[in-house]
Amino acid sequence: MKPSVTIEYCPKCGWLLRAAWMAQELLTTFSEDLGQVTLRPGEIAGRYLVFLNDEVIFDRKQAGHFPEPKELKQLIRDKAFPEKSLGHSDSKSIKP
């Protein structure tokens, strides 16, 4: 079964477009690798979480910033597809 990504965002903060952009980036990079990318409006103000299956791999509040596409792609690759090259977006692994 292919991994799934869920992006939980705060709709009151207006972060739907940011979440949709990130989903597009992930679906472009991992088009044949991911089973789905889901956008989920959160119920807690200010929340922006990214899950790989059921594991939180990025939390905006913990990190102190929104993820950059390159950063999130590397996190997903390192956990789900360690053998995959990300081409020009590739660099040493980002440790959470």
PDB file of N, CA and C in Angstrom:
ATOM      1  N   MET A   1       0.840  -1.185   0.000  1.00  0.00           N
ATOM      2  CA  MET A   1       0.000   0.000   0.000  1.00  0.00           C
ATOM      3  C   MET A   1       0.884   1.247   0.000  1.00  0.00           C
ATOM      4  N   LYS A   2       0.542   2.188  -0.849  1.00  0.00           N
ATOM      5  CA  LYS A   2       1.333   3.411  -0.972  1.00  0.00           C
ATOM      6  C   LYS A   2       1.061   4.334   0.215  1.00  0.00           C
ATOM      7  N   PRO A   3       2.081   5.065   0.651  1.00  0.00           N
ATOM      8  CA  PRO A   3       1.906   6.007   1.765  1.00  0.00           C
ATOM      9  C   PRO A   3       0.949   7.137   1.403  1.00  0.00           C
ATOM     10  N   SER A   4       0.364   7.711   2.437  1.00  0.00           N
ATOM     11  CA  SER A   4      -0.512   8.867   2.233  1.00  0.00           C
ATOM     12  C   SER A   4       0.005  10.043   3.055  1.00  0.00           C
ATOM     13  N   VAL A   5      -0.259  11.228   2.554  1.00  0.00           N
ATOM     14  CA  VAL A   5       0.116  12.462   3.233  1.00  0.00           C
ATOM     15  C   VAL A   5      -1.164  13.234   3.522  1.00  0.00           C
ATOM     16  N   THR A   6      -1.253  13.767   4.739  1.00  0.00           N
ATOM     17  CA  THR A   6      -2.363  14.632   5.116  1.00  0.00           C
ATOM     18  C   THR A   6      -1.786  15.952   5.594  1.00  0.00           C
ATOM     19  N   ILE A   7      -2.316  17.031   5.057  1.00  0.00           N
ATOM     20  CA  ILE A   7      -1.922  18.367   5.489  1.00  0.00           C
ATOM     21  C   ILE A   7      -3.114  18.955   6.231  1.00  0.00           C
ATOM     22  N   GLU A   8      -2.936  19.181   7.523  1.00  0.00           N
ATOM     23  CA  GLU A   8      -3.978  19.799   8.339  1.00  0.00           C
ATOM     24  C   GLU A   8      -3.623  21.271   8.516  1.00  0.00           C
ATOM     25  N   TYR A   9      -4.543  22.125   8.124  1.00  0.00           N
ATOM     26  CA  TYR A   9      -4.279  23.563   8.115  1.00  0.00           C
ATOM     27  C   TYR A   9      -5.389  24.306   8.854  1.00  0.00           C
ATOM     28  N   CYS A  10      -5.121  25.522   9.229  1.00  0.00           N
ATOM     29  CA  CYS A  10      -6.101  26.368   9.920  1.00  0.00           C
ATOM     30  C   CYS A  10      -6.886  27.173   8.883  1.00  0.00           C
ATOM     31  N   PRO A  11      -8.174  26.863   8.698  1.00  0.00           N
ATOM     32  CA  PRO A  11      -8.949  27.623   7.717  1.00  0.00           C
ATOM     33  C   PRO A  11      -9.198  29.072   8.153  1.00  0.00           C
ATOM     34  N   LYS A  12      -9.257  29.317   9.453  1.00  0.00           N
ATOM     35  CA  LYS A  12      -9.491  30.675   9.948  1.00  0.00           C
ATOM     36  C   LYS A  12      -8.292  31.582   9.679  1.00  0.00           C
ATOM     37  N   CYS A  13      -7.117  30.966   9.563  1.00  0.00           N
ATOM     38  CA  CYS A  13      -5.898  31.728   9.288  1.00  0.00           C
ATOM     39  C   CYS A  13      -5.696  31.962   7.788  1.00  0.00           C
ATOM     40  N   GLY A  14      -6.534  31.332   6.968  1.00  0.00           N
ATOM     41  CA  GLY A  14      -6.423  31.502   5.521  1.00  0.00           C
ATOM     42  C   GLY A  14      -5.300  30.700   4.900  1.00  0.00           C
ATOM     43  N   TRP A  15      -5.012  29.528   5.468  1.00  0.00           N
ATOM     44  CA  TRP A  15      -3.873  28.743   4.988  1.00  0.00           C
ATOM     45  C   TRP A  15      -4.242  27.653   3.992  1.00  0.00           C
ATOM     46  N   LEU A  16      -5.476  27.678   3.474  1.00  0.00           N
ATOM     47  CA  LEU A  16      -5.883  26.681   2.479  1.00  0.00           C
ATOM     48  C   LEU A  16      -5.012  26.757   1.233  1.00  0.00           C
ATOM     49  N   LEU A  17      -4.764  27.941   0.704  1.00  0.00           N
ATOM     50  CA  LEU A  17      -3.957  28.056  -0.518  1.00  0.00           C
ATOM     51  C   LEU A  17      -2.537  27.551  -0.306  1.00  0.00           C
ATOM     52  N   ARG A  18      -1.974  27.815   0.861  1.00  0.00           N
ATOM     53  CA  ARG A  18      -0.630  27.318   1.173  1.00  0.00           C
ATOM     54  C   ARG A  18      -0.637  25.792   1.215  1.00  0.00           C
ATOM     55  N   ALA A  19      -1.656  25.212   1.845  1.00  0.00           N
ATOM     56  CA  ALA A  19      -1.766  23.754   1.938  1.00  0.00           C
ATOM     57  C   ALA A  19      -1.975  23.131   0.556  1.00  0.00           C
ATOM     58  N   ALA A  20      -2.808  23.767  -0.275  1.00  0.00           N
ATOM     59  CA  ALA A  20      -3.060  23.258  -1.625  1.00  0.00           C
ATOM     60  C   ALA A  20      -1.809  23.335  -2.488  1.00  0.00           C
ATOM     61  N   TRP A  21      -1.056  24.412  -2.348  1.00  0.00           N
ATOM     62  CA  TRP A  21       0.201  24.549  -3.095  1.00  0.00           C
ATOM     63  C   TRP A  21       1.174  23.437  -2.694  1.00  0.00           C
ATOM     64  N   MET A  22       1.267  23.180  -1.378  1.00  0.00           N
ATOM     65  CA  MET A  22       2.172  22.130  -0.913  1.00  0.00           C
ATOM     66  C   MET A  22       1.712  20.766  -1.422  1.00  0.00           C
ATOM     67  N   ALA A  23       0.402  20.515  -1.418  1.00  0.00           N
ATOM     68  CA  ALA A  23      -0.128  19.255  -1.942  1.00  0.00           C
ATOM     69  C   ALA A  23       0.246  19.095  -3.414  1.00  0.00           C
ATOM     70  N   GLN A  24       0.132  20.169  -4.178  1.00  0.00           N
ATOM     71  CA  GLN A  24       0.501  20.127  -5.596  1.00  0.00           C
ATOM     72  C   GLN A  24       1.983  19.798  -5.771  1.00  0.00           C
ATOM     73  N   GLU A  25       2.823  20.421  -4.972  1.00  0.00           N
ATOM     74  CA  GLU A  25       4.266  20.149  -5.035  1.00  0.00           C
ATOM     75  C   GLU A  25       4.556  18.667  -4.751  1.00  0.00           C
ATOM     76  N   LEU A  26       3.905  18.121  -3.719  1.00  0.00           N
ATOM     77  CA  LEU A  26       4.135  16.721  -3.348  1.00  0.00           C
ATOM     78  C   LEU A  26       3.618  15.770  -4.415  1.00  0.00           C
ATOM     79  N   LEU A  27       2.439  16.058  -4.961  1.00  0.00           N
ATOM     80  CA  LEU A  27       1.878  15.197  -5.998  1.00  0.00           C
ATOM     81  C   LEU A  27       2.701  15.244  -7.280  1.00  0.00           C
ATOM     82  N   THR A  28       3.321  16.362  -7.558  1.00  0.00           N
ATOM     83  CA  THR A  28       4.186  16.461  -8.732  1.00  0.00           C
ATOM     84  C   THR A  28       5.458  15.642  -8.531  1.00  0.00           C
ATOM     85  N   THR A  29       6.065  15.776  -7.370  1.00  0.00           N
ATOM     86  CA  THR A  29       7.323  15.078  -7.091  1.00  0.00           C
ATOM     87  C   THR A  29       7.132  13.577  -6.891  1.00  0.00           C
ATOM     88  N   PHE A  30       6.071  13.204  -6.170  1.00  0.00           N
ATOM     89  CA  PHE A  30       5.846  11.800  -5.821  1.00  0.00           C
ATOM     90  C   PHE A  30       4.624  11.237  -6.552  1.00  0.00           C
ATOM     91  N   SER A  31       4.447  11.604  -7.816  1.00  0.00           N
ATOM     92  CA  SER A  31       3.242  11.252  -8.566  1.00  0.00           C
ATOM     93  C   SER A  31       2.969   9.752  -8.620  1.00  0.00           C
ATOM     94  N   GLU A  32       3.993   8.944  -8.665  1.00  0.00           N
ATOM     95  CA  GLU A  32       3.800   7.495  -8.754  1.00  0.00           C
ATOM     96  C   GLU A  32       4.028   6.798  -7.418  1.00  0.00           C
ATOM     97  N   ASP A  33       4.414   7.543  -6.397  1.00  0.00           N
ATOM     98  CA  ASP A  33       4.807   6.939  -5.129  1.00  0.00           C
ATOM     99  C   ASP A  33       3.762   7.063  -4.023  1.00  0.00           C
ATOM    100  N   LEU A  34       3.009   8.159  -4.024  1.00  0.00           N
ATOM    101  CA  LEU A  34       2.035   8.383  -2.956  1.00  0.00           C
ATOM    102  C   LEU A  34       0.658   7.860  -3.348  1.00  0.00           C
ATOM    103  N   GLY A  35      -0.051   7.325  -2.374  1.00  0.00           N
ATOM    104  CA  GLY A  35      -1.405   6.863  -2.613  1.00  0.00           C
ATOM    105  C   GLY A  35      -2.394   8.016  -2.635  1.00  0.00           C
ATOM    106  N   GLN A  36      -2.136   9.018  -1.804  1.00  0.00           N
ATOM    107  CA  GLN A  36      -3.011  10.191  -1.761  1.00  0.00           C
ATOM    108  C   GLN A  36      -2.357  11.317  -0.982  1.00  0.00           C
ATOM    109  N   VAL A  37      -2.823  12.521  -1.277  1.00  0.00           N
ATOM    110  CA  VAL A  37      -2.498  13.697  -0.473  1.00  0.00           C
ATOM    111  C   VAL A  37      -3.840  14.328  -0.128  1.00  0.00           C
ATOM    112  N   THR A  38      -4.081  14.479   1.157  1.00  0.00           N
ATOM    113  CA  THR A  38      -5.364  14.961   1.640  1.00  0.00           C
ATOM    114  C   THR A  38      -5.189  16.297   2.344  1.00  0.00           C
ATOM    115  N   LEU A  39      -6.117  17.211   2.111  1.00  0.00           N
ATOM    116  CA  LEU A  39      -6.166  18.475   2.840  1.00  0.00           C
ATOM    117  C   LEU A  39      -7.271  18.359   3.872  1.00  0.00           C
ATOM    118  N   ARG A  40      -6.933  18.688   5.123  1.00  0.00           N
ATOM    119  CA  ARG A  40      -7.907  18.575   6.208  1.00  0.00           C
ATOM    120  C   ARG A  40      -7.948  19.884   6.992  1.00  0.00           C
ATOM    121  N   PRO A  41      -9.102  20.576   6.977  1.00  0.00           N
ATOM    122  CA  PRO A  41      -9.205  21.787   7.789  1.00  0.00           C
ATOM    123  C   PRO A  41      -9.135  21.425   9.267  1.00  0.00           C
ATOM    124  N   GLY A  42      -8.292  22.109   9.995  1.00  0.00           N
ATOM    125  CA  GLY A  42      -8.123  21.841  11.417  1.00  0.00           C
ATOM    126  C   GLY A  42      -9.144  22.588  12.252  1.00  0.00           C
ATOM    127  N   GLU A  43      -9.321  22.111  13.453  1.00  0.00           N
ATOM    128  CA  GLU A  43     -10.254  22.753  14.373  1.00  0.00           C
ATOM    129  C   GLU A  43      -9.539  23.623  15.402  1.00  0.00           C
ATOM    130  N   ILE A  44      -8.202  23.538  15.418  1.00  0.00           N
ATOM    131  CA  ILE A  44      -7.410  24.311  16.371  1.00  0.00           C
ATOM    132  C   ILE A  44      -6.739  25.454  15.627  1.00  0.00           C
ATOM    133  N   ALA A  45      -6.959  26.667  16.104  1.00  0.00           N
ATOM    134  CA  ALA A  45      -6.414  27.853  15.448  1.00  0.00           C
ATOM    135  C   ALA A  45      -4.890  27.798  15.357  1.00  0.00           C
ATOM    136  N   GLY A  46      -4.374  28.177  14.200  1.00  0.00           N
ATOM    137  CA  GLY A  46      -2.939  28.263  13.998  1.00  0.00           C
ATOM    138  C   GLY A  46      -2.256  26.957  13.662  1.00  0.00           C
ATOM    139  N   ARG A  47      -3.014  25.908  13.503  1.00  0.00           N
ATOM    140  CA  ARG A  47      -2.417  24.588  13.262  1.00  0.00           C
ATOM    141  C   ARG A  47      -2.055  24.408  11.792  1.00  0.00           C
ATOM    142  N   TYR A  48      -0.851  23.879  11.572  1.00  0.00           N
ATOM    143  CA  TYR A  48      -0.398  23.465  10.246  1.00  0.00           C
ATOM    144  C   TYR A  48       0.496  22.251  10.476  1.00  0.00           C
ATOM    145  N   LEU A  49      -0.092  21.077  10.289  1.00  0.00           N
ATOM    146  CA  LEU A  49       0.612  19.818  10.512  1.00  0.00           C
ATOM    147  C   LEU A  49       0.673  19.036   9.212  1.00  0.00           C
ATOM    148  N   VAL A  50       1.750  18.284   9.034  1.00  0.00           N
ATOM    149  CA  VAL A  50       1.855  17.386   7.897  1.00  0.00           C
ATOM    150  C   VAL A  50       2.090  15.989   8.453  1.00  0.00           C
ATOM    151  N   PHE A  51       1.231  15.074   8.030  1.00  0.00           N
ATOM    152  CA  PHE A  51       1.313  13.678   8.452  1.00  0.00           C
ATOM    153  C   PHE A  51       1.771  12.819   7.285  1.00  0.00           C
ATOM    154  N   LEU A  52       2.614  11.837   7.567  1.00  0.00           N
ATOM    155  CA  LEU A  52       2.925  10.776   6.622  1.00  0.00           C
ATOM    156  C   LEU A  52       2.298   9.537   7.231  1.00  0.00           C
ATOM    157  N   ASN A  53       1.278   9.017   6.578  1.00  0.00           N
ATOM    158  CA  ASN A  53       0.400   8.007   7.166  1.00  0.00           C
ATOM    159  C   ASN A  53      -0.162   8.611   8.451  1.00  0.00           C
ATOM    160  N   ASP A  54       0.108   8.068   9.606  1.00  0.00           N
ATOM    161  CA  ASP A  54      -0.446   8.631  10.844  1.00  0.00           C
ATOM    162  C   ASP A  54       0.601   9.339  11.702  1.00  0.00           C
ATOM    163  N   GLU A  55       1.794   9.515  11.172  1.00  0.00           N
ATOM    164  CA  GLU A  55       2.888  10.123  11.926  1.00  0.00           C
ATOM    165  C   GLU A  55       3.059  11.594  11.538  1.00  0.00           C
ATOM    166  N   VAL A  56       3.106  12.463  12.533  1.00  0.00           N
ATOM    167  CA  VAL A  56       3.377  13.882  12.263  1.00  0.00           C
ATOM    168  C   VAL A  56       4.842  14.005  11.864  1.00  0.00           C
ATOM    169  N   ILE A  57       5.069  14.535  10.667  1.00  0.00           N
ATOM    170  CA  ILE A  57       6.458  14.733  10.223  1.00  0.00           C
ATOM    171  C   ILE A  57       6.831  16.208  10.198  1.00  0.00           C
ATOM    172  N   PHE A  58       5.823  17.092  10.288  1.00  0.00           N
ATOM    173  CA  PHE A  58       6.118  18.520  10.359  1.00  0.00           C
ATOM    174  C   PHE A  58       5.020  19.221  11.136  1.00  0.00           C
ATOM    175  N   ASP A  59       5.428  20.050  12.092  1.00  0.00           N
ATOM    176  CA  ASP A  59       4.515  20.842  12.905  1.00  0.00           C
ATOM    177  C   ASP A  59       5.017  22.284  12.868  1.00  0.00           C
ATOM    178  N   ARG A  60       4.208  23.168  12.301  1.00  0.00           N
ATOM    179  CA  ARG A  60       4.612  24.572  12.147  1.00  0.00           C
ATOM    180  C   ARG A  60       4.986  25.210  13.476  1.00  0.00           C
ATOM    181  N   LYS A  61       4.230  24.915  14.509  1.00  0.00           N
ATOM    182  CA  LYS A  61       4.513  25.536  15.811  1.00  0.00           C
ATOM    183  C   LYS A  61       5.842  25.043  16.383  1.00  0.00           C
ATOM    184  N   GLN A  62       6.105  23.756  16.258  1.00  0.00           N
ATOM    185  CA  GLN A  62       7.382  23.220  16.758  1.00  0.00           C
ATOM    186  C   GLN A  62       8.558  23.760  15.968  1.00  0.00           C
ATOM    187  N   ALA A  63       8.407  23.809  14.645  1.00  0.00           N
ATOM    188  CA  ALA A  63       9.506  24.243  13.780  1.00  0.00           C
ATOM    189  C   ALA A  63       9.699  25.760  13.818  1.00  0.00           C
ATOM    190  N   GLY A  64       8.631  26.492  14.110  1.00  0.00           N
ATOM    191  CA  GLY A  64       8.719  27.947  14.135  1.00  0.00           C
ATOM    192  C   GLY A  64       8.609  28.582  12.765  1.00  0.00           C
ATOM    193  N   HIS A  65       8.220  27.797  11.762  1.00  0.00           N
ATOM    194  CA  HIS A  65       8.060  28.307  10.401  1.00  0.00           C
ATOM    195  C   HIS A  65       7.219  27.320   9.588  1.00  0.00           C
ATOM    196  N   PHE A  66       6.757  27.780   8.436  1.00  0.00           N
ATOM    197  CA  PHE A  66       6.093  26.884   7.494  1.00  0.00           C
ATOM    198  C   PHE A  66       7.156  26.086   6.756  1.00  0.00           C
ATOM    199  N   PRO A  67       6.829  24.873   6.333  1.00  0.00           N
ATOM    200  CA  PRO A  67       7.826  24.103   5.593  1.00  0.00           C
ATOM    201  C   PRO A  67       8.010  24.659   4.184  1.00  0.00           C
ATOM    202  N   GLU A  68       9.222  24.649   3.726  1.00  0.00           N
ATOM    203  CA  GLU A  68       9.501  24.936   2.330  1.00  0.00           C
ATOM    204  C   GLU A  68       9.261  23.636   1.553  1.00  0.00           C
ATOM    205  N   PRO A  69       8.880  23.704   0.287  1.00  0.00           N
ATOM    206  CA  PRO A  69       8.645  22.477  -0.472  1.00  0.00           C
ATOM    207  C   PRO A  69       9.838  21.516  -0.434  1.00  0.00           C
ATOM    208  N   LYS A  70      11.031  22.054  -0.618  1.00  0.00           N
ATOM    209  CA  LYS A  70      12.230  21.216  -0.618  1.00  0.00           C
ATOM    210  C   LYS A  70      12.376  20.480   0.720  1.00  0.00           C
ATOM    211  N   GLU A  71      12.147  21.186   1.808  1.00  0.00           N
ATOM    212  CA  GLU A  71      12.274  20.606   3.143  1.00  0.00           C
ATOM    213  C   GLU A  71      11.271  19.465   3.339  1.00  0.00           C
ATOM    214  N   LEU A  72      10.027  19.696   2.955  1.00  0.00           N
ATOM    215  CA  LEU A  72       8.994  18.685   3.137  1.00  0.00           C
ATOM    216  C   LEU A  72       9.221  17.483   2.222  1.00  0.00           C
ATOM    217  N   LYS A  73       9.639  17.733   1.003  1.00  0.00           N
ATOM    218  CA  LYS A  73       9.932  16.634   0.076  1.00  0.00           C
ATOM    219  C   LYS A  73      11.055  15.752   0.626  1.00  0.00           C
ATOM    220  N   GLN A  74      12.058  16.377   1.204  1.00  0.00           N
ATOM    221  CA  GLN A  74      13.165  15.599   1.760  1.00  0.00           C
ATOM    222  C   GLN A  74      12.717  14.789   2.973  1.00  0.00           C
ATOM    223  N   LEU A  75      11.868  15.361   3.815  1.00  0.00           N
ATOM    224  CA  LEU A  75      11.357  14.618   4.973  1.00  0.00           C
ATOM    225  C   LEU A  75      10.571  13.390   4.532  1.00  0.00           C
ATOM    226  N   ILE A  76       9.708  13.577   3.538  1.00  0.00           N
ATOM    227  CA  ILE A  76       8.901  12.453   3.044  1.00  0.00           C
ATOM    228  C   ILE A  76       9.796  11.421   2.375  1.00  0.00           C
ATOM    229  N   ARG A  77      10.710  11.879   1.545  1.00  0.00           N
ATOM    230  CA  ARG A  77      11.623  10.950   0.879  1.00  0.00           C
ATOM    231  C   ARG A  77      12.435  10.143   1.895  1.00  0.00           C
ATOM    232  N   ASP A  78      12.985  10.825   2.907  1.00  0.00           N
ATOM    233  CA  ASP A  78      13.833  10.146   3.888  1.00  0.00           C
ATOM    234  C   ASP A  78      13.074   9.072   4.657  1.00  0.00           C
ATOM    235  N   LYS A  79      11.791   9.301   4.925  1.00  0.00           N
ATOM    236  CA  LYS A  79      11.007   8.345   5.696  1.00  0.00           C
ATOM    237  C   LYS A  79      10.378   7.252   4.835  1.00  0.00           C
ATOM    238  N   ALA A  80       9.905   7.592   3.649  1.00  0.00           N
ATOM    239  CA  ALA A  80       9.138   6.633   2.854  1.00  0.00           C
ATOM    240  C   ALA A  80       9.886   6.072   1.648  1.00  0.00           C
ATOM    241  N   PHE A  81      10.789   6.840   1.071  1.00  0.00           N
ATOM    242  CA  PHE A  81      11.461   6.440  -0.163  1.00  0.00           C
ATOM    243  C   PHE A  81      12.949   6.781  -0.121  1.00  0.00           C
ATOM    244  N   PRO A  82      13.703   6.215   0.825  1.00  0.00           N
ATOM    245  CA  PRO A  82      15.104   6.637   1.005  1.00  0.00           C
ATOM    246  C   PRO A  82      15.988   6.447  -0.229  1.00  0.00           C
ATOM    247  N   GLU A  83      15.589   5.583  -1.136  1.00  0.00           N
ATOM    248  CA  GLU A  83      16.403   5.344  -2.326  1.00  0.00           C
ATOM    249  C   GLU A  83      16.108   6.335  -3.448  1.00  0.00           C
ATOM    250  N   LYS A  84      15.060   7.125  -3.315  1.00  0.00           N
ATOM    251  CA  LYS A  84      14.614   8.040  -4.372  1.00  0.00           C
ATOM    252  C   LYS A  84      15.485   9.294  -4.429  1.00  0.00           C
ATOM    253  N   SER A  85      15.855   9.661  -5.638  1.00  0.00           N
ATOM    254  CA  SER A  85      16.570  10.913  -5.856  1.00  0.00           C
ATOM    255  C   SER A  85      15.551  12.019  -6.093  1.00  0.00           C
ATOM    256  N   LEU A  86      15.807  13.175  -5.525  1.00  0.00           N
ATOM    257  CA  LEU A  86      14.936  14.330  -5.738  1.00  0.00           C
ATOM    258  C   LEU A  86      15.520  15.302  -6.755  1.00  0.00           C
ATOM    259  N   GLY A  87      16.533  14.869  -7.461  1.00  0.00           N
ATOM    260  CA  GLY A  87      17.130  15.712  -8.488  1.00  0.00           C
ATOM    261  C   GLY A  87      17.724  16.979  -7.915  1.00  0.00           C
ATOM    262  N   HIS A  88      17.381  18.123  -8.496  1.00  0.00           N
ATOM    263  CA  HIS A  88      17.954  19.405  -8.062  1.00  0.00           C
ATOM    264  C   HIS A  88      17.513  19.799  -6.659  1.00  0.00           C
ATOM    265  N   SER A  89      16.441  19.194  -6.163  1.00  0.00           N
ATOM    266  CA  SER A  89      15.982  19.496  -4.797  1.00  0.00           C
ATOM    267  C   SER A  89      16.688  18.640  -3.760  1.00  0.00           C
ATOM    268  N   ASP A  90      17.566  17.780  -4.212  1.00  0.00           N
ATOM    269  CA  ASP A  90      18.209  16.849  -3.299  1.00  0.00           C
ATOM    270  C   ASP A  90      19.381  17.491  -2.570  1.00  0.00           C
ATOM    271  N   SER A  91      19.504  17.125  -1.319  1.00  0.00           N
ATOM    272  CA  SER A  91      20.657  17.499  -0.527  1.00  0.00           C
ATOM    273  C   SER A  91      20.698  16.550   0.645  1.00  0.00           C
ATOM    274  N   LYS A  92      21.610  16.751   1.519  1.00  0.00           N
ATOM    275  CA  LYS A  92      21.679  15.887   2.685  1.00  0.00           C
ATOM    276  C   LYS A  92      20.354  15.917   3.431  1.00  0.00           C
ATOM    277  N   SER A  93      20.041  14.826   4.099  1.00  0.00           N
ATOM    278  CA  SER A  93      18.774  14.693   4.812  1.00  0.00           C
ATOM    279  C   SER A  93      18.591  15.801   5.840  1.00  0.00           C
ATOM    280  N   ILE A  94      17.350  16.243   5.984  1.00  0.00           N
ATOM    281  CA  ILE A  94      16.984  17.198   7.018  1.00  0.00           C
ATOM    282  C   ILE A  94      16.502  16.389   8.210  1.00  0.00           C
ATOM    283  N   LYS A  95      17.092  16.611   9.342  1.00  0.00           N
ATOM    284  CA  LYS A  95      16.689  15.890  10.545  1.00  0.00           C
ATOM    285  C   LYS A  95      15.661  16.708  11.286  1.00  0.00           C
ATOM    286  N   PRO A  96      14.499  16.086  11.618  1.00  0.00           N
ATOM    287  CA  PRO A  96      13.467  16.846  12.345  1.00  0.00           C
ATOM    288  C   PRO A  96      13.902  17.258  13.716  1.00  0.00           C
TER     289      PRO A  96
END
